[in-house]
Amino acid sequence: MTKKRRKSSSDPDMRDEYDFASGVRGKYATRFAAGSNVVILDPDVAKRFGDSASVNDALRSLLDGGSAKPPPDLPRRSKHRRRRTPAER
């Protein structure tokens, strides 16, 4: 069974195969209007912070010139990896 093709709209960016029949209009509009900003941190940066509050504290510290406390130091790994013995391989 084939679907009826609707007359293409006047928008050149909309293809005929796009189907928004089951879409919900404005589903995320409230969240967007609230001003939530999503920022993707690199993995090495994300490891330094436990949660979003510590990231916000660090950013406020930079903006205020150092008035907020910095994030806690995490245990550091050695830059040099121990070589495995042949028995461990």
N, C-alpha and C. Protein backbone atom coordinates (compact mmCIF):
# COMPACT_ATOMS: atom_id res chain seq x y z
N MET A 1 0.85 -1.17 0.00
CA MET A 1 0.00 0.00 0.00
C MET A 1 0.90 1.24 0.00
N THR A 2 0.59 2.18 -0.81
CA THR A 2 1.39 3.39 -0.88
C THR A 2 0.64 4.57 -0.28
N LYS A 3 1.40 5.50 0.24
CA LYS A 3 0.81 6.70 0.82
C LYS A 3 0.49 7.70 -0.28
N LYS A 4 -0.53 8.48 -0.02
CA LYS A 4 -0.83 9.57 -0.95
C LYS A 4 0.24 10.63 -0.82
N ARG A 5 0.69 11.11 -1.91
CA ARG A 5 1.65 12.21 -1.89
C ARG A 5 0.90 13.52 -1.87
N ARG A 6 1.28 14.35 -0.91
CA ARG A 6 0.65 15.67 -0.86
C ARG A 6 1.35 16.60 -1.81
N LYS A 7 0.66 17.61 -2.19
CA LYS A 7 1.24 18.62 -3.06
C LYS A 7 2.39 19.28 -2.31
N SER A 8 3.54 19.39 -2.94
CA SER A 8 4.70 19.95 -2.24
C SER A 8 4.44 21.40 -1.85
N SER A 9 4.96 21.75 -0.67
CA SER A 9 4.75 23.09 -0.16
C SER A 9 5.61 24.09 -0.92
N SER A 10 5.41 25.34 -0.62
CA SER A 10 6.16 26.37 -1.31
C SER A 10 7.57 26.52 -0.74
N ASP A 11 7.86 25.83 0.38
CA ASP A 11 9.18 25.91 1.00
C ASP A 11 10.13 24.97 0.27
N PRO A 12 11.18 25.49 -0.36
CA PRO A 12 12.08 24.62 -1.13
C PRO A 12 12.91 23.68 -0.25
N ASP A 13 13.03 23.97 1.06
CA ASP A 13 13.82 23.12 1.95
C ASP A 13 13.04 21.91 2.45
N MET A 14 11.74 21.91 2.28
CA MET A 14 10.91 20.81 2.77
C MET A 14 10.76 19.76 1.67
N ARG A 15 11.20 18.57 1.98
CA ARG A 15 11.06 17.48 1.02
C ARG A 15 9.71 16.80 1.20
N ASP A 16 9.27 16.11 0.17
CA ASP A 16 7.99 15.41 0.22
C ASP A 16 7.97 14.31 1.26
N GLU A 17 9.14 13.69 1.54
CA GLU A 17 9.16 12.57 2.49
C GLU A 17 9.15 13.01 3.96
N TYR A 18 9.28 14.29 4.24
CA TYR A 18 9.18 14.78 5.62
C TYR A 18 7.73 14.65 6.08
N ASP A 19 7.52 13.99 7.21
CA ASP A 19 6.17 13.78 7.71
C ASP A 19 6.11 14.24 9.16
N PHE A 20 5.43 15.33 9.42
CA PHE A 20 5.28 15.88 10.76
C PHE A 20 3.88 15.65 11.31
N ALA A 21 3.18 14.67 10.77
CA ALA A 21 1.79 14.42 11.18
C ALA A 21 1.69 14.05 12.66
N SER A 22 2.68 13.31 13.19
CA SER A 22 2.62 12.91 14.59
C SER A 22 3.46 13.82 15.48
N GLY A 23 3.96 14.90 14.95
CA GLY A 23 4.76 15.84 15.74
C GLY A 23 3.92 16.65 16.70
N VAL A 24 4.57 17.15 17.74
CA VAL A 24 3.88 17.98 18.73
C VAL A 24 4.41 19.40 18.59
N ARG A 25 3.55 20.31 18.28
CA ARG A 25 3.96 21.70 18.08
C ARG A 25 4.31 22.36 19.42
N GLY A 26 5.48 22.95 19.49
CA GLY A 26 5.90 23.69 20.69
C GLY A 26 6.26 22.81 21.87
N LYS A 27 6.65 21.58 21.65
CA LYS A 27 6.95 20.64 22.73
C LYS A 27 8.05 21.16 23.65
N TYR A 28 9.06 21.78 23.12
CA TYR A 28 10.19 22.26 23.91
C TYR A 28 10.23 23.79 23.99
N ALA A 29 9.17 24.45 23.60
CA ALA A 29 9.17 25.91 23.56
C ALA A 29 9.34 26.53 24.94
N THR A 30 8.70 25.96 25.95
CA THR A 30 8.80 26.50 27.31
C THR A 30 10.22 26.39 27.82
N ARG A 31 10.83 25.23 27.61
CA ARG A 31 12.21 25.03 28.06
C ARG A 31 13.16 25.98 27.33
N PHE A 32 12.93 26.17 26.04
CA PHE A 32 13.78 27.07 25.26
C PHE A 32 13.61 28.50 25.75
N ALA A 33 12.39 28.90 26.03
CA ALA A 33 12.12 30.26 26.48
C ALA A 33 12.71 30.51 27.86
N ALA A 34 12.87 29.48 28.66
CA ALA A 34 13.43 29.63 30.01
C ALA A 34 14.90 30.00 29.96
N GLY A 35 15.54 29.84 28.84
CA GLY A 35 16.92 30.26 28.69
C GLY A 35 17.94 29.20 29.05
N SER A 36 17.57 27.94 28.98
CA SER A 36 18.54 26.88 29.25
C SER A 36 19.57 26.85 28.13
N ASN A 37 20.81 26.83 28.52
CA ASN A 37 21.90 26.73 27.55
C ASN A 37 22.62 25.42 27.79
N VAL A 38 22.77 24.64 26.75
CA VAL A 38 23.49 23.38 26.86
C VAL A 38 24.87 23.59 26.30
N VAL A 39 25.87 23.25 27.09
CA VAL A 39 27.26 23.36 26.68
C VAL A 39 27.89 21.99 26.81
N ILE A 40 28.52 21.52 25.77
CA ILE A 40 29.18 20.23 25.78
C ILE A 40 30.63 20.42 26.19
N LEU A 41 31.02 19.78 27.28
CA LEU A 41 32.39 19.88 27.77
C LEU A 41 33.22 18.75 27.18
N ASP A 42 34.47 19.04 26.92
CA ASP A 42 35.39 17.98 26.51
C ASP A 42 35.55 17.01 27.68
N PRO A 43 35.82 15.74 27.39
CA PRO A 43 35.91 14.75 28.47
C PRO A 43 36.94 15.10 29.55
N ASP A 44 38.09 15.65 29.15
CA ASP A 44 39.10 15.98 30.15
C ASP A 44 38.64 17.11 31.06
N VAL A 45 37.86 18.03 30.54
CA VAL A 45 37.32 19.12 31.35
C VAL A 45 36.21 18.60 32.25
N ALA A 46 35.36 17.73 31.73
CA ALA A 46 34.25 17.19 32.51
C ALA A 46 34.73 16.38 33.71
N LYS A 47 35.89 15.74 33.59
CA LYS A 47 36.44 14.97 34.70
C LYS A 47 36.82 15.86 35.89
N ARG A 48 37.11 17.11 35.63
CA ARG A 48 37.52 18.02 36.70
C ARG A 48 36.35 18.51 37.54
N PHE A 49 35.14 18.36 37.06
CA PHE A 49 33.98 18.88 37.76
C PHE A 49 33.00 17.75 38.06
N GLY A 50 32.48 17.75 39.26
CA GLY A 50 31.55 16.70 39.65
C GLY A 50 30.13 16.93 39.18
N ASP A 51 29.72 18.20 39.09
CA ASP A 51 28.35 18.50 38.71
C ASP A 51 28.27 19.89 38.10
N SER A 52 27.07 20.27 37.69
CA SER A 52 26.91 21.57 37.03
C SER A 52 27.15 22.73 37.99
N ALA A 53 26.88 22.54 39.28
CA ALA A 53 27.11 23.62 40.25
C ALA A 53 28.59 23.98 40.33
N SER A 54 29.47 22.98 40.29
CA SER A 54 30.90 23.28 40.35
C SER A 54 31.39 23.96 39.07
N VAL A 55 30.80 23.61 37.94
CA VAL A 55 31.14 24.29 36.69
C VAL A 55 30.72 25.75 36.77
N ASN A 56 29.49 25.99 37.25
CA ASN A 56 29.00 27.36 37.39
C ASN A 56 29.86 28.16 38.36
N ASP A 57 30.28 27.55 39.48
CA ASP A 57 31.15 28.25 40.44
C ASP A 57 32.47 28.65 39.79
N ALA A 58 33.05 27.73 39.01
CA ALA A 58 34.32 28.03 38.36
C ALA A 58 34.17 29.15 37.33
N LEU A 59 33.08 29.12 36.58
CA LEU A 59 32.86 30.18 35.58
C LEU A 59 32.60 31.53 36.25
N ARG A 60 31.84 31.51 37.35
CA ARG A 60 31.62 32.76 38.08
C ARG A 60 32.93 33.29 38.65
N SER A 61 33.78 32.39 39.08
CA SER A 61 35.09 32.78 39.60
C SER A 61 35.90 33.50 38.53
N LEU A 62 35.85 32.98 37.33
CA LEU A 62 36.56 33.64 36.22
C LEU A 62 35.96 35.00 35.92
N LEU A 63 34.64 35.07 35.94
CA LEU A 63 33.97 36.33 35.62
C LEU A 63 34.18 37.38 36.71
N ASP A 64 34.19 36.94 37.97
CA ASP A 64 34.33 37.87 39.10
C ASP A 64 35.78 38.16 39.46
N GLY A 65 36.69 37.49 38.82
CA GLY A 65 38.09 37.73 39.13
C GLY A 65 38.61 36.88 40.27
N GLY A 66 38.00 35.73 40.52
CA GLY A 66 38.54 34.81 41.50
C GLY A 66 37.83 34.79 42.83
N SER A 67 36.58 35.26 42.94
CA SER A 67 35.91 35.30 44.22
C SER A 67 35.30 33.95 44.63
N ALA A 68 35.02 33.07 43.68
CA ALA A 68 34.43 31.77 44.01
C ALA A 68 35.54 30.75 44.24
N LYS A 69 35.22 29.69 44.99
CA LYS A 69 36.23 28.68 45.27
C LYS A 69 36.44 27.80 44.04
N PRO A 70 37.68 27.40 43.76
CA PRO A 70 37.96 26.55 42.61
C PRO A 70 37.47 25.13 42.86
N PRO A 71 37.32 24.32 41.80
CA PRO A 71 36.88 22.93 41.99
C PRO A 71 37.94 22.14 42.74
N PRO A 72 37.55 21.11 43.46
CA PRO A 72 38.53 20.32 44.20
C PRO A 72 39.48 19.61 43.25
N ASP A 73 40.72 19.46 43.68
CA ASP A 73 41.68 18.75 42.85
C ASP A 73 41.40 17.26 42.90
N LEU A 74 41.44 16.65 41.76
CA LEU A 74 41.26 15.21 41.68
C LEU A 74 42.62 14.55 41.69
N PRO A 75 42.70 13.28 42.08
CA PRO A 75 43.99 12.60 42.05
C PRO A 75 44.58 12.63 40.66
N ARG A 76 45.83 12.91 40.57
CA ARG A 76 46.51 13.00 39.28
C ARG A 76 47.10 11.66 38.89
N ARG A 77 47.09 11.39 37.62
CA ARG A 77 47.73 10.19 37.11
C ARG A 77 49.13 10.54 36.66
N SER A 78 49.98 9.59 36.75
CA SER A 78 51.33 9.79 36.26
C SER A 78 51.29 9.91 34.74
N LYS A 79 52.15 10.74 34.20
CA LYS A 79 52.20 10.88 32.74
C LYS A 79 52.83 9.65 32.10
N HIS A 80 53.62 8.95 32.87
CA HIS A 80 54.32 7.78 32.34
C HIS A 80 53.58 6.52 32.75
N ARG A 81 53.29 5.68 31.78
CA ARG A 81 52.60 4.43 32.07
C ARG A 81 53.62 3.36 32.39
N ARG A 82 53.28 2.52 33.33
CA ARG A 82 54.15 1.42 33.70
C ARG A 82 54.10 0.39 32.58
N ARG A 83 55.25 -0.10 32.21
CA ARG A 83 55.30 -1.12 31.18
C ARG A 83 54.83 -2.44 31.75
N ARG A 84 54.05 -3.15 30.96
CA ARG A 84 53.58 -4.45 31.38
C ARG A 84 54.64 -5.50 31.08
N THR A 85 54.74 -6.44 31.95
CA THR A 85 55.68 -7.55 31.73
C THR A 85 55.06 -8.50 30.74
N PRO A 86 55.88 -9.36 30.11
CA PRO A 86 55.33 -10.32 29.15
C PRO A 86 54.27 -11.22 29.77
N ALA A 87 54.38 -11.52 31.06
CA ALA A 87 53.39 -12.39 31.70
C ALA A 87 52.04 -11.68 31.83
N GLU A 88 52.03 -10.35 31.92
CA GLU A 88 50.79 -9.59 32.05
C GLU A 88 50.09 -9.37 30.71
N ARG A 89 50.78 -9.58 29.62
CA ARG A 89 50.20 -9.32 28.30
C ARG A 89 49.28 -10.37 27.86
